[in-house]
Amino acid sequence: MCAALLAMAACDQVGITVPDDIKPAVDTYKLSGISVSDLTKPDIRRALVQLSREACNRDAMGRMAAQIDALGYRRESATALIGFVDRCGRADGFLSAAANDLMAVSDFKGAVDVSDRLIANNSSEPQYYFDRGRANEGWQRDDAALSDYMQVLALSTNLASVTSNLFIRIADLHAKAGRYCDSVSAIRMWVSADPERADNTQAKGMIAQYASHAHCPSTYAAGQESFARQSGNTIRVKAKVNGVEGVFIVDTGASYVSLSEAFARRVQVSTEQAKRIRLQTANGARDGLLAQAHAVKVGTVEASDVPVSVAAGGTSPYGDGIDGLLGQSFLSRFEVSFTPTRWSISQRS
């Protein structure tokens, strides 16, 4: 009976053993769960033959993993890629692919573990935090996911290039926790990063949807001002944080209001509950803290409970006489416009 079925290719595994020329790689990288008919497909077999001869052949592993991925063996691909790194040494691209494979089979804890390894290898790569955030979100660890997504923003030097998916995920997580005003701010931050997004229909719809759930308190964002600006690209402004005045650079590309460590102490920004993050500055990546200021004020324009980043280290990373950056965690709550001679900021209608 089975012989007849074999003739019709319906008993693929019965009585069929793994060929000797690929068995070492199949055993080494735990690929026995893949059907022999798939293992012996020409491209896969060629790679497995090479891996059987040289277990640390990176090109062969990359080709083989991609091939079995395409056939739906996501778990097996992840296992092989992780096994390769454990055996042969660092290969961040393989670990990144493995994390995505594990998420595809809903092994979110495994994906977090792999992402932890990637971040240990390179703590300044935003993509690794984004991937870990997705894994944490799938694992229903919303606070951890949000922390990872906020870390992506802290490491991003150009918000206009950051995928809208990140901001949507941040907004959704805030909404799940009932923080609808923060959801609105997340979408507005994405809009503010690129003037061409001002009339984005999807963004407007999301803002309206979140805003319909709660009325943001008047202290959330209030006032309007217009300031003269000097020639050049840098706009300096005097701003108050927790009632203490400092000199800031208006930076629409910065994710957060950023403070030097010395200024943060002066304004008594509490860092006891702050989250440790990596910050991308003009002088490269550095350690910092993500905290919250009770109030940030520029002229008569004021916002409460503003996320701020605090740069660790004794010297200011922003230059002499500069206490920090006025970034999107404040600016995105307002309508902000610039002309060659003035810049204006006002409460959104």
C-alpha atoms as a PDB file:
ATOM      1  CA  MET A   1       0.000   0.000   0.000  1.00  0.00           C
ATOM      2  CA  CYS A   2       2.671   2.485   1.039  1.00  0.00           C
ATOM      3  CA  ALA A   3       4.785   1.541  -1.964  1.00  0.00           C
ATOM      4  CA  ALA A   4       1.912   2.556  -4.184  1.00  0.00           C
ATOM      5  CA  LEU A   5       1.472   5.771  -2.285  1.00  0.00           C
ATOM      6  CA  LEU A   6       5.173   6.472  -2.516  1.00  0.00           C
ATOM      7  CA  ALA A   7       4.855   6.277  -6.256  1.00  0.00           C
ATOM      8  CA  MET A   8       2.340   9.090  -5.956  1.00  0.00           C
ATOM      9  CA  ALA A   9       4.668  11.062  -3.615  1.00  0.00           C
ATOM     10  CA  ALA A  10       2.273  10.804  -0.684  1.00  0.00           C
ATOM     11  CA  CYS A  11       4.525   8.975   1.761  1.00  0.00           C
ATOM     12  CA  ASP A  12       7.380  11.406   1.615  1.00  0.00           C
ATOM     13  CA  GLN A  13       9.070  10.445   4.877  1.00  0.00           C
ATOM     14  CA  VAL A  14       8.359   6.729   5.103  1.00  0.00           C
ATOM     15  CA  GLY A  15      11.523   4.725   4.742  1.00  0.00           C
ATOM     16  CA  ILE A  16      13.503   7.725   3.491  1.00  0.00           C
ATOM     17  CA  THR A  17      16.681   8.706   5.318  1.00  0.00           C
ATOM     18  CA  VAL A  18      18.650  11.907   5.176  1.00  0.00           C
ATOM     19  CA  PRO A  19      21.404  11.576   2.544  1.00  0.00           C
ATOM     20  CA  ASP A  20      24.888  11.157   3.958  1.00  0.00           C
ATOM     21  CA  ASP A  21      26.271  14.247   2.215  1.00  0.00           C
ATOM     22  CA  ILE A  22      23.938  16.593   4.130  1.00  0.00           C
ATOM     23  CA  LYS A  23      23.414  14.654   7.379  1.00  0.00           C
ATOM     24  CA  PRO A  24      26.204  16.402   9.355  1.00  0.00           C
ATOM     25  CA  ALA A  25      24.618  19.828   8.777  1.00  0.00           C
ATOM     26  CA  VAL A  26      21.091  18.514   9.411  1.00  0.00           C
ATOM     27  CA  ASP A  27      22.227  17.105  12.759  1.00  0.00           C
ATOM     28  CA  THR A  28      24.370  20.104  13.726  1.00  0.00           C
ATOM     29  CA  TYR A  29      21.658  22.661  13.037  1.00  0.00           C
ATOM     30  CA  LYS A  30      18.677  20.543  14.189  1.00  0.00           C
ATOM     31  CA  LEU A  31      16.909  20.398  10.830  1.00  0.00           C
ATOM     32  CA  SER A  32      15.436  16.896  11.171  1.00  0.00           C
ATOM     33  CA  GLY A  33      11.927  18.348  11.381  1.00  0.00           C
ATOM     34  CA  ILE A  34      12.123  19.372   7.726  1.00  0.00           C
ATOM     35  CA  SER A  35      10.909  16.830   5.183  1.00  0.00           C
ATOM     36  CA  VAL A  36      13.633  15.065   3.234  1.00  0.00           C
ATOM     37  CA  SER A  37      12.021  16.137  -0.020  1.00  0.00           C
ATOM     38  CA  ASP A  38      12.522  19.765   1.018  1.00  0.00           C
ATOM     39  CA  LEU A  39      16.033  19.194   2.373  1.00  0.00           C
ATOM     40  CA  THR A  40      17.039  17.703  -0.959  1.00  0.00           C
ATOM     41  CA  LYS A  41      15.739  20.531  -3.108  1.00  0.00           C
ATOM     42  CA  PRO A  42      18.786  21.552  -5.205  1.00  0.00           C
ATOM     43  CA  ASP A  43      19.494  24.974  -3.651  1.00  0.00           C
ATOM     44  CA  ILE A  44      18.923  23.784  -0.083  1.00  0.00           C
ATOM     45  CA  ARG A  45      20.936  20.613  -0.592  1.00  0.00           C
ATOM     46  CA  ARG A  46      23.841  22.546  -2.089  1.00  0.00           C
ATOM     47  CA  ALA A  47      23.981  24.803   0.975  1.00  0.00           C
ATOM     48  CA  LEU A  48      23.678  21.843   3.351  1.00  0.00           C
ATOM     49  CA  VAL A  49      26.501  20.019   1.589  1.00  0.00           C
ATOM     50  CA  GLN A  50      28.692  23.081   2.088  1.00  0.00           C
ATOM     51  CA  LEU A  51      27.666  23.345   5.760  1.00  0.00           C
ATOM     52  CA  SER A  52      28.391  19.653   6.241  1.00  0.00           C
ATOM     53  CA  ARG A  53      31.937  20.276   5.029  1.00  0.00           C
ATOM     54  CA  GLU A  54      32.364  23.641   6.766  1.00  0.00           C
ATOM     55  CA  ALA A  55      29.868  24.182   9.568  1.00  0.00           C
ATOM     56  CA  CYS A  56      30.670  27.902   9.791  1.00  0.00           C
ATOM     57  CA  ASN A  57      30.154  28.774   6.124  1.00  0.00           C
ATOM     58  CA  ARG A  58      28.197  32.027   6.495  1.00  0.00           C
ATOM     59  CA  ASP A  59      27.131  32.294   2.879  1.00  0.00           C
ATOM     60  CA  ALA A  60      25.758  28.772   2.897  1.00  0.00           C
ATOM     61  CA  MET A  61      23.862  29.339   6.146  1.00  0.00           C
ATOM     62  CA  GLY A  62      22.358  32.564   4.845  1.00  0.00           C
ATOM     63  CA  ARG A  63      21.172  30.902   1.631  1.00  0.00           C
ATOM     64  CA  MET A  64      19.855  27.810   3.388  1.00  0.00           C
ATOM     65  CA  ALA A  65      17.962  29.780   6.049  1.00  0.00           C
ATOM     66  CA  ALA A  66      16.331  31.983   3.420  1.00  0.00           C
ATOM     67  CA  GLN A  67      15.280  28.928   1.402  1.00  0.00           C
ATOM     68  CA  ILE A  68      13.652  27.061   4.288  1.00  0.00           C
ATOM     69  CA  ASP A  69      12.062  30.336   5.429  1.00  0.00           C
ATOM     70  CA  ALA A  70      10.373  30.596   2.050  1.00  0.00           C
ATOM     71  CA  LEU A  71       8.995  27.069   2.517  1.00  0.00           C
ATOM     72  CA  GLY A  72       7.467  28.014   5.875  1.00  0.00           C
ATOM     73  CA  TYR A  73      10.015  26.474   8.238  1.00  0.00           C
ATOM     74  CA  ARG A  74      10.347  29.602  10.361  1.00  0.00           C
ATOM     75  CA  ARG A  75      11.106  27.819  13.646  1.00  0.00           C
ATOM     76  CA  GLU A  76      13.739  25.616  12.023  1.00  0.00           C
ATOM     77  CA  SER A  77      15.313  28.631  10.343  1.00  0.00           C
ATOM     78  CA  ALA A  78      15.523  30.499  13.661  1.00  0.00           C
ATOM     79  CA  THR A  79      17.029  27.481  15.415  1.00  0.00           C
ATOM     80  CA  ALA A  80      19.656  27.071  12.700  1.00  0.00           C
ATOM     81  CA  LEU A  81      20.598  30.748  12.659  1.00  0.00           C
ATOM     82  CA  ILE A  82      20.921  30.940  16.446  1.00  0.00           C
ATOM     83  CA  GLY A  83      22.889  27.687  16.459  1.00  0.00           C
ATOM     84  CA  PHE A  84      25.233  29.090  13.837  1.00  0.00           C
ATOM     85  CA  VAL A  85      25.945  32.195  15.947  1.00  0.00           C
ATOM     86  CA  ASP A  86      26.470  30.084  19.081  1.00  0.00           C
ATOM     87  CA  ARG A  87      28.912  27.861  17.213  1.00  0.00           C
ATOM     88  CA  CYS A  88      30.654  30.247  14.847  1.00  0.00           C
ATOM     89  CA  GLY A  89      30.574  33.697  16.424  1.00  0.00           C
ATOM     90  CA  ARG A  90      28.786  36.993  16.092  1.00  0.00           C
ATOM     91  CA  ALA A  91      26.463  37.492  13.126  1.00  0.00           C
ATOM     92  CA  ASP A  92      23.892  40.141  14.013  1.00  0.00           C
ATOM     93  CA  GLY A  93      22.066  39.808  10.717  1.00  0.00           C
ATOM     94  CA  PHE A  94      21.391  36.142  11.484  1.00  0.00           C
ATOM     95  CA  LEU A  95      20.097  36.935  14.971  1.00  0.00           C
ATOM     96  CA  SER A  96      17.871  39.690  13.611  1.00  0.00           C
ATOM     97  CA  ALA A  97      16.376  37.276  11.077  1.00  0.00           C
ATOM     98  CA  ALA A  98      15.915  34.692  13.837  1.00  0.00           C
ATOM     99  CA  ALA A  99      14.009  37.188  15.991  1.00  0.00           C
ATOM    100  CA  ASN A 100      11.594  37.848  13.138  1.00  0.00           C
ATOM    101  CA  ASP A 101      11.199  34.115  12.517  1.00  0.00           C
ATOM    102  CA  LEU A 102      10.352  33.535  16.180  1.00  0.00           C
ATOM    103  CA  MET A 103       7.755  36.301  16.129  1.00  0.00           C
ATOM    104  CA  ALA A 104       6.244  34.693  13.038  1.00  0.00           C
ATOM    105  CA  VAL A 105       5.581  31.508  15.052  1.00  0.00           C
ATOM    106  CA  SER A 106       4.405  33.539  18.088  1.00  0.00           C
ATOM    107  CA  ASP A 107       7.422  32.667  20.230  1.00  0.00           C
ATOM    108  CA  PHE A 108       7.599  36.196  21.563  1.00  0.00           C
ATOM    109  CA  LYS A 109       9.667  35.327  24.630  1.00  0.00           C
ATOM    110  CA  GLY A 110      12.247  33.686  22.394  1.00  0.00           C
ATOM    111  CA  ALA A 111      12.267  36.764  20.158  1.00  0.00           C
ATOM    112  CA  VAL A 112      12.852  39.004  23.192  1.00  0.00           C
ATOM    113  CA  ASP A 113      15.772  36.819  24.276  1.00  0.00           C
ATOM    114  CA  VAL A 114      17.357  37.068  20.823  1.00  0.00           C
ATOM    115  CA  SER A 115      16.755  40.830  20.723  1.00  0.00           C
ATOM    116  CA  ASP A 116      18.453  41.142  24.116  1.00  0.00           C
ATOM    117  CA  ARG A 117      21.539  39.552  22.578  1.00  0.00           C
ATOM    118  CA  LEU A 118      21.469  41.991  19.674  1.00  0.00           C
ATOM    119  CA  ILE A 119      21.160  44.995  21.986  1.00  0.00           C
ATOM    120  CA  ALA A 120      24.048  43.685  24.092  1.00  0.00           C
ATOM    121  CA  ASN A 121      26.101  43.595  20.878  1.00  0.00           C
ATOM    122  CA  ASN A 122      25.080  47.089  19.752  1.00  0.00           C
ATOM    123  CA  SER A 123      23.095  49.246  22.159  1.00  0.00           C
ATOM    124  CA  SER A 124      22.832  52.143  19.680  1.00  0.00           C
ATOM    125  CA  GLU A 125      20.916  50.386  16.879  1.00  0.00           C
ATOM    126  CA  PRO A 126      17.249  51.573  16.835  1.00  0.00           C
ATOM    127  CA  GLN A 127      16.029  48.575  14.810  1.00  0.00           C
ATOM    128  CA  TYR A 128      16.918  46.135  17.592  1.00  0.00           C
ATOM    129  CA  TYR A 129      14.785  48.047  20.103  1.00  0.00           C
ATOM    130  CA  PHE A 130      11.921  48.251  17.607  1.00  0.00           C
ATOM    131  CA  ASP A 131      12.046  44.492  17.072  1.00  0.00           C
ATOM    132  CA  ARG A 132      12.183  43.828  20.812  1.00  0.00           C
ATOM    133  CA  GLY A 133       9.267  46.214  21.263  1.00  0.00           C
ATOM    134  CA  ARG A 134       7.211  44.232  18.744  1.00  0.00           C
ATOM    135  CA  ALA A 135       8.114  41.020  20.564  1.00  0.00           C
ATOM    136  CA  ASN A 136       7.205  42.493  23.948  1.00  0.00           C
ATOM    137  CA  GLU A 137       3.944  43.754  22.507  1.00  0.00           C
ATOM    138  CA  GLY A 138       3.149  40.292  21.172  1.00  0.00           C
ATOM    139  CA  TRP A 139       4.037  38.893  24.602  1.00  0.00           C
ATOM    140  CA  GLN A 140       1.516  41.391  26.056  1.00  0.00           C
ATOM    141  CA  ARG A 141       4.168  43.245  28.028  1.00  0.00           C
ATOM    142  CA  ASP A 142       2.904  46.660  27.024  1.00  0.00           C
ATOM    143  CA  ASP A 143       5.056  48.756  29.366  1.00  0.00           C
ATOM    144  CA  ALA A 144       8.216  47.041  28.152  1.00  0.00           C
ATOM    145  CA  ALA A 145       7.111  47.478  24.533  1.00  0.00           C
ATOM    146  CA  LEU A 146       6.434  51.184  25.021  1.00  0.00           C
ATOM    147  CA  SER A 147       9.816  51.622  26.685  1.00  0.00           C
ATOM    148  CA  ASP A 148      11.506  50.013  23.684  1.00  0.00           C
ATOM    149  CA  TYR A 149       9.591  52.181  21.216  1.00  0.00           C
ATOM    150  CA  MET A 150      10.495  55.342  23.117  1.00  0.00           C
ATOM    151  CA  GLN A 151      14.120  54.210  23.018  1.00  0.00           C
ATOM    152  CA  VAL A 152      13.870  54.033  19.224  1.00  0.00           C
ATOM    153  CA  LEU A 153      12.855  57.695  19.194  1.00  0.00           C
ATOM    154  CA  ALA A 154      15.746  58.632  21.477  1.00  0.00           C
ATOM    155  CA  LEU A 155      18.214  57.040  19.054  1.00  0.00           C
ATOM    156  CA  SER A 156      16.680  58.441  15.873  1.00  0.00           C
ATOM    157  CA  THR A 157      18.483  61.454  14.437  1.00  0.00           C
ATOM    158  CA  ASN A 158      15.853  62.139  11.775  1.00  0.00           C
ATOM    159  CA  LEU A 159      12.230  61.609  12.810  1.00  0.00           C
ATOM    160  CA  ALA A 160      11.074  62.136   9.236  1.00  0.00           C
ATOM    161  CA  SER A 161      12.728  58.847   8.300  1.00  0.00           C
ATOM    162  CA  VAL A 162      11.150  56.839  11.130  1.00  0.00           C
ATOM    163  CA  THR A 163       8.359  54.515  10.018  1.00  0.00           C
ATOM    164  CA  SER A 164       4.817  55.632  10.789  1.00  0.00           C
ATOM    165  CA  ASN A 165       4.244  52.155  12.225  1.00  0.00           C
ATOM    166  CA  LEU A 166       6.342  53.076  15.264  1.00  0.00           C
ATOM    167  CA  PHE A 167       4.222  56.121  16.088  1.00  0.00           C
ATOM    168  CA  ILE A 168       1.005  54.159  15.528  1.00  0.00           C
ATOM    169  CA  ARG A 169       2.203  51.464  17.926  1.00  0.00           C
ATOM    170  CA  ILE A 170       3.123  54.086  20.548  1.00  0.00           C
ATOM    171  CA  ALA A 171      -0.275  55.746  20.162  1.00  0.00           C
ATOM    172  CA  ASP A 172      -2.123  52.433  20.463  1.00  0.00           C
ATOM    173  CA  LEU A 173      -0.251  51.470  23.628  1.00  0.00           C
ATOM    174  CA  HIS A 174      -1.034  54.821  25.239  1.00  0.00           C
ATOM    175  CA  ALA A 175      -4.694  54.391  24.246  1.00  0.00           C
ATOM    176  CA  LYS A 176      -4.827  50.907  25.805  1.00  0.00           C
ATOM    177  CA  ALA A 177      -3.718  52.519  29.062  1.00  0.00           C
ATOM    178  CA  GLY A 178      -6.296  55.313  28.728  1.00  0.00           C
ATOM    179  CA  ARG A 179      -3.708  58.006  27.937  1.00  0.00           C
ATOM    180  CA  TYR A 180      -5.476  59.384  24.874  1.00  0.00           C
ATOM    181  CA  CYS A 181      -3.780  62.784  24.987  1.00  0.00           C
ATOM    182  CA  ASP A 182      -0.425  61.016  24.739  1.00  0.00           C
ATOM    183  CA  SER A 183      -1.822  59.010  21.817  1.00  0.00           C
ATOM    184  CA  VAL A 184      -2.659  62.249  20.038  1.00  0.00           C
ATOM    185  CA  SER A 185       0.844  63.577  20.742  1.00  0.00           C
ATOM    186  CA  ALA A 186       2.448  60.469  19.247  1.00  0.00           C
ATOM    187  CA  ILE A 187       0.614  60.887  15.943  1.00  0.00           C
ATOM    188  CA  ARG A 188       1.249  64.631  15.918  1.00  0.00           C
ATOM    189  CA  MET A 189       4.946  63.981  16.443  1.00  0.00           C
ATOM    190  CA  TRP A 190       4.958  61.908  13.243  1.00  0.00           C
ATOM    191  CA  VAL A 191       3.063  64.644  11.391  1.00  0.00           C
ATOM    192  CA  SER A 192       5.381  67.370  12.691  1.00  0.00           C
ATOM    193  CA  ALA A 193       8.479  65.538  11.479  1.00  0.00           C
ATOM    194  CA  ASP A 194       7.654  66.304   7.825  1.00  0.00           C
ATOM    195  CA  PRO A 195       5.676  69.347   6.571  1.00  0.00           C
ATOM    196  CA  GLU A 196       4.237  67.248   3.731  1.00  0.00           C
ATOM    197  CA  ARG A 197       2.307  65.202   6.297  1.00  0.00           C
ATOM    198  CA  ALA A 198       0.241  68.168   7.490  1.00  0.00           C
ATOM    199  CA  ASP A 199      -2.786  67.077   5.454  1.00  0.00           C
ATOM    200  CA  ASN A 200      -2.357  63.330   5.896  1.00  0.00           C
ATOM    201  CA  THR A 201      -5.890  61.925   5.994  1.00  0.00           C
ATOM    202  CA  GLN A 202      -5.051  58.822   8.028  1.00  0.00           C
ATOM    203  CA  ALA A 203      -3.209  60.847  10.672  1.00  0.00           C
ATOM    204  CA  LYS A 204      -6.073  63.326  10.972  1.00  0.00           C
ATOM    205  CA  GLY A 205      -8.515  60.459  11.391  1.00  0.00           C
ATOM    206  CA  MET A 206      -6.447  58.834  14.130  1.00  0.00           C
ATOM    207  CA  ILE A 207      -6.044  62.124  15.982  1.00  0.00           C
ATOM    208  CA  ALA A 208      -9.801  62.717  15.837  1.00  0.00           C
ATOM    209  CA  GLN A 209     -10.495  59.176  17.021  1.00  0.00           C
ATOM    210  CA  TYR A 210      -8.190  59.413  20.031  1.00  0.00           C
ATOM    211  CA  ALA A 211      -9.332  62.943  20.882  1.00  0.00           C
ATOM    212  CA  SER A 212     -12.963  61.790  20.965  1.00  0.00           C
ATOM    213  CA  HIS A 213     -12.225  59.562  23.966  1.00  0.00           C
ATOM    214  CA  ALA A 214     -10.950  62.270  26.297  1.00  0.00           C
ATOM    215  CA  HIS A 215     -10.661  66.007  26.648  1.00  0.00           C
ATOM    216  CA  CYS A 216      -7.048  66.929  27.272  1.00  0.00           C
ATOM    217  CA  PRO A 217      -6.672  69.254  30.279  1.00  0.00           C
ATOM    218  CA  SER A 218      -5.955  72.902  29.557  1.00  0.00           C
ATOM    219  CA  THR A 219      -2.500  72.518  31.102  1.00  0.00           C
ATOM    220  CA  TYR A 220      -1.622  69.834  28.545  1.00  0.00           C
ATOM    221  CA  ALA A 221      -0.829  72.541  25.977  1.00  0.00           C
ATOM    222  CA  ALA A 222      -1.827  76.196  26.148  1.00  0.00           C
ATOM    223  CA  GLY A 223      -0.889  79.659  24.871  1.00  0.00           C
ATOM    224  CA  GLN A 224       0.552  81.226  21.759  1.00  0.00           C
ATOM    225  CA  GLU A 225       3.683  83.222  20.986  1.00  0.00           C
ATOM    226  CA  SER A 226       5.674  84.575  18.061  1.00  0.00           C
ATOM    227  CA  PHE A 227       9.408  85.204  18.277  1.00  0.00           C
ATOM    228  CA  ALA A 228      11.936  86.980  16.090  1.00  0.00           C
ATOM    229  CA  ARG A 229      14.692  84.712  14.843  1.00  0.00           C
ATOM    230  CA  GLN A 230      18.222  85.556  13.875  1.00  0.00           C
ATOM    231  CA  SER A 231      19.694  84.574  10.540  1.00  0.00           C
ATOM    232  CA  GLY A 232      21.059  81.065  10.335  1.00  0.00           C
ATOM    233  CA  ASN A 233      19.633  77.633  10.978  1.00  0.00           C
ATOM    234  CA  THR A 234      19.918  77.571  14.765  1.00  0.00           C
ATOM    235  CA  ILE A 235      17.078  79.021  16.838  1.00  0.00           C
ATOM    236  CA  ARG A 236      17.929  79.761  20.448  1.00  0.00           C
ATOM    237  CA  VAL A 237      15.192  80.444  22.945  1.00  0.00           C
ATOM    238  CA  LYS A 238      14.843  80.991  26.664  1.00  0.00           C
ATOM    239  CA  ALA A 239      12.553  78.369  28.136  1.00  0.00           C
ATOM    240  CA  LYS A 240      11.535  77.466  31.656  1.00  0.00           C
ATOM    241  CA  VAL A 241      11.517  73.909  32.897  1.00  0.00           C
ATOM    242  CA  ASN A 242       9.772  73.482  36.243  1.00  0.00           C
ATOM    243  CA  GLY A 243       9.939  77.264  36.582  1.00  0.00           C
ATOM    244  CA  VAL A 244      13.715  77.565  36.078  1.00  0.00           C
ATOM    245  CA  GLU A 245      14.953  79.405  32.990  1.00  0.00           C
ATOM    246  CA  GLY A 246      17.541  78.003  30.624  1.00  0.00           C
ATOM    247  CA  VAL A 247      18.799  78.472  27.075  1.00  0.00           C
ATOM    248  CA  PHE A 248      17.567  75.931  24.541  1.00  0.00           C
ATOM    249  CA  ILE A 249      17.962  75.193  20.857  1.00  0.00           C
ATOM    250  CA  VAL A 250      14.684  74.586  19.042  1.00  0.00           C
ATOM    251  CA  ASP A 251      15.196  71.219  17.370  1.00  0.00           C
ATOM    252  CA  THR A 252      12.257  69.824  15.399  1.00  0.00           C
ATOM    253  CA  GLY A 253      14.285  66.696  14.677  1.00  0.00           C
ATOM    254  CA  ALA A 254      14.793  65.837  18.351  1.00  0.00           C
ATOM    255  CA  SER A 255      12.308  63.372  19.801  1.00  0.00           C
ATOM    256  CA  TYR A 256      12.394  64.823  23.298  1.00  0.00           C
ATOM    257  CA  VAL A 257      13.023  67.959  25.234  1.00  0.00           C
ATOM    258  CA  SER A 258      16.610  67.178  26.200  1.00  0.00           C
ATOM    259  CA  LEU A 259      18.402  68.489  29.271  1.00  0.00           C
ATOM    260  CA  SER A 260      22.014  68.493  30.331  1.00  0.00           C
ATOM    261  CA  GLU A 261      22.584  66.659  33.587  1.00  0.00           C
ATOM    262  CA  ALA A 262      23.533  69.878  35.384  1.00  0.00           C
ATOM    263  CA  PHE A 263      20.387  71.693  34.236  1.00  0.00           C
ATOM    264  CA  ALA A 264      18.197  68.721  35.151  1.00  0.00           C
ATOM    265  CA  ARG A 265      19.538  68.942  38.701  1.00  0.00           C
ATOM    266  CA  ARG A 266      18.877  72.685  38.810  1.00  0.00           C
ATOM    267  CA  VAL A 267      15.258  72.279  37.754  1.00  0.00           C
ATOM    268  CA  GLN A 268      14.790  69.268  40.041  1.00  0.00           C
ATOM    269  CA  VAL A 269      13.688  66.799  37.399  1.00  0.00           C
ATOM    270  CA  SER A 270      13.317  63.596  39.369  1.00  0.00           C
ATOM    271  CA  THR A 271      15.314  60.716  37.938  1.00  0.00           C
ATOM    272  CA  GLU A 272      14.620  58.158  40.669  1.00  0.00           C
ATOM    273  CA  GLN A 273      12.006  56.395  38.533  1.00  0.00           C
ATOM    274  CA  ALA A 274      13.621  57.335  35.209  1.00  0.00           C
ATOM    275  CA  LYS A 275      14.358  54.701  32.590  1.00  0.00           C
ATOM    276  CA  ARG A 276      17.895  54.305  31.340  1.00  0.00           C
ATOM    277  CA  ILE A 277      18.154  54.905  27.604  1.00  0.00           C
ATOM    278  CA  ARG A 278      20.708  55.512  24.890  1.00  0.00           C
ATOM    279  CA  LEU A 279      20.641  58.981  23.340  1.00  0.00           C
ATOM    280  CA  GLN A 280      21.886  59.966  19.900  1.00  0.00           C
ATOM    281  CA  THR A 281      23.578  63.373  20.071  1.00  0.00           C
ATOM    282  CA  ALA A 282      25.671  65.450  17.696  1.00  0.00           C
ATOM    283  CA  ASN A 283      28.714  63.937  19.396  1.00  0.00           C
ATOM    284  CA  GLY A 284      27.520  60.349  19.046  1.00  0.00           C
ATOM    285  CA  ALA A 285      25.517  57.964  21.210  1.00  0.00           C
ATOM    286  CA  ARG A 286      25.660  58.333  24.976  1.00  0.00           C
ATOM    287  CA  ASP A 287      23.832  57.077  28.044  1.00  0.00           C
ATOM    288  CA  GLY A 288      20.897  59.013  29.403  1.00  0.00           C
ATOM    289  CA  LEU A 289      17.661  58.889  31.335  1.00  0.00           C
ATOM    290  CA  LEU A 290      14.044  59.284  30.263  1.00  0.00           C
ATOM    291  CA  ALA A 291      12.132  61.277  32.853  1.00  0.00           C
ATOM    292  CA  GLN A 292       9.319  63.826  33.024  1.00  0.00           C
ATOM    293  CA  ALA A 293       9.186  67.562  33.686  1.00  0.00           C
ATOM    294  CA  HIS A 294       6.176  68.979  35.491  1.00  0.00           C
ATOM    295  CA  ALA A 295       6.062  71.934  33.113  1.00  0.00           C
ATOM    296  CA  VAL A 296       7.894  73.397  30.119  1.00  0.00           C
ATOM    297  CA  LYS A 297       7.210  77.019  29.210  1.00  0.00           C
ATOM    298  CA  VAL A 298       8.325  79.293  26.369  1.00  0.00           C
ATOM    299  CA  GLY A 299       6.969  82.804  26.805  1.00  0.00           C
ATOM    300  CA  THR A 300       3.265  82.282  27.495  1.00  0.00           C
ATOM    301  CA  VAL A 301       3.198  78.865  25.831  1.00  0.00           C
ATOM    302  CA  GLU A 302       3.182  76.064  28.379  1.00  0.00           C
ATOM    303  CA  ALA A 303       2.777  72.294  28.529  1.00  0.00           C
ATOM    304  CA  SER A 304       2.574  70.009  31.540  1.00  0.00           C
ATOM    305  CA  ASP A 305       3.958  66.537  32.207  1.00  0.00           C
ATOM    306  CA  VAL A 306       6.431  66.645  29.333  1.00  0.00           C
ATOM    307  CA  PRO A 307       8.737  63.662  28.681  1.00  0.00           C
ATOM    308  CA  VAL A 308      12.368  64.799  28.825  1.00  0.00           C
ATOM    309  CA  SER A 309      15.664  63.050  28.275  1.00  0.00           C
ATOM    310  CA  VAL A 310      18.604  63.777  30.543  1.00  0.00           C
ATOM    311  CA  ALA A 311      22.098  63.358  29.118  1.00  0.00           C
ATOM    312  CA  ALA A 312      24.432  61.634  31.549  1.00  0.00           C
ATOM    313  CA  GLY A 313      27.878  63.085  32.118  1.00  0.00           C
ATOM    314  CA  GLY A 314      29.226  66.277  33.596  1.00  0.00           C
ATOM    315  CA  THR A 315      29.607  68.311  30.403  1.00  0.00           C
ATOM    316  CA  SER A 316      26.699  69.511  28.296  1.00  0.00           C
ATOM    317  CA  PRO A 317      26.533  67.727  24.924  1.00  0.00           C
ATOM    318  CA  TYR A 318      24.783  70.739  23.399  1.00  0.00           C
ATOM    319  CA  GLY A 319      27.593  73.292  23.505  1.00  0.00           C
ATOM    320  CA  ASP A 320      28.691  76.130  25.763  1.00  0.00           C
ATOM    321  CA  GLY A 321      25.848  78.090  27.285  1.00  0.00           C
ATOM    322  CA  ILE A 322      23.184  75.676  26.023  1.00  0.00           C
ATOM    323  CA  ASP A 323      21.114  73.813  28.594  1.00  0.00           C
ATOM    324  CA  GLY A 324      19.244  71.550  26.217  1.00  0.00           C
ATOM    325  CA  LEU A 325      17.090  71.003  23.154  1.00  0.00           C
ATOM    326  CA  LEU A 326      13.440  71.930  22.752  1.00  0.00           C
ATOM    327  CA  GLY A 327      12.259  68.803  20.976  1.00  0.00           C
ATOM    328  CA  GLN A 328       9.076  67.154  19.789  1.00  0.00           C
ATOM    329  CA  SER A 329       7.809  65.916  23.163  1.00  0.00           C
ATOM    330  CA  PHE A 330       6.953  69.614  23.677  1.00  0.00           C
ATOM    331  CA  LEU A 331       6.682  71.012  20.147  1.00  0.00           C
ATOM    332  CA  SER A 332       4.308  68.356  18.796  1.00  0.00           C
ATOM    333  CA  ARG A 333       1.589  69.500  21.200  1.00  0.00           C
ATOM    334  CA  PHE A 334       1.422  72.826  19.354  1.00  0.00           C
ATOM    335  CA  GLU A 335       1.149  74.324  15.907  1.00  0.00           C
ATOM    336  CA  VAL A 336       4.679  75.465  15.054  1.00  0.00           C
ATOM    337  CA  SER A 337       5.647  77.479  11.984  1.00  0.00           C
ATOM    338  CA  PHE A 338       8.856  79.077  10.763  1.00  0.00           C
ATOM    339  CA  THR A 339       9.692  81.951   8.432  1.00  0.00           C
ATOM    340  CA  PRO A 340      13.147  83.401   7.709  1.00  0.00           C
ATOM    341  CA  THR A 341      12.605  86.144  10.315  1.00  0.00           C
ATOM    342  CA  ARG A 342      10.154  84.671  12.858  1.00  0.00           C
ATOM    343  CA  TRP A 343       8.908  81.457  14.383  1.00  0.00           C
ATOM    344  CA  SER A 344       5.515  80.966  15.965  1.00  0.00           C
ATOM    345  CA  ILE A 345       4.018  78.448  18.351  1.00  0.00           C
ATOM    346  CA  SER A 346       0.372  78.223  19.384  1.00  0.00           C
ATOM    347  CA  GLN A 347      -2.151  75.914  20.964  1.00  0.00           C
ATOM    348  CA  ARG A 348      -3.815  73.655  18.417  1.00  0.00           C
ATOM    349  CA  SER A 349      -7.398  74.541  17.589  1.00  0.00           C
END
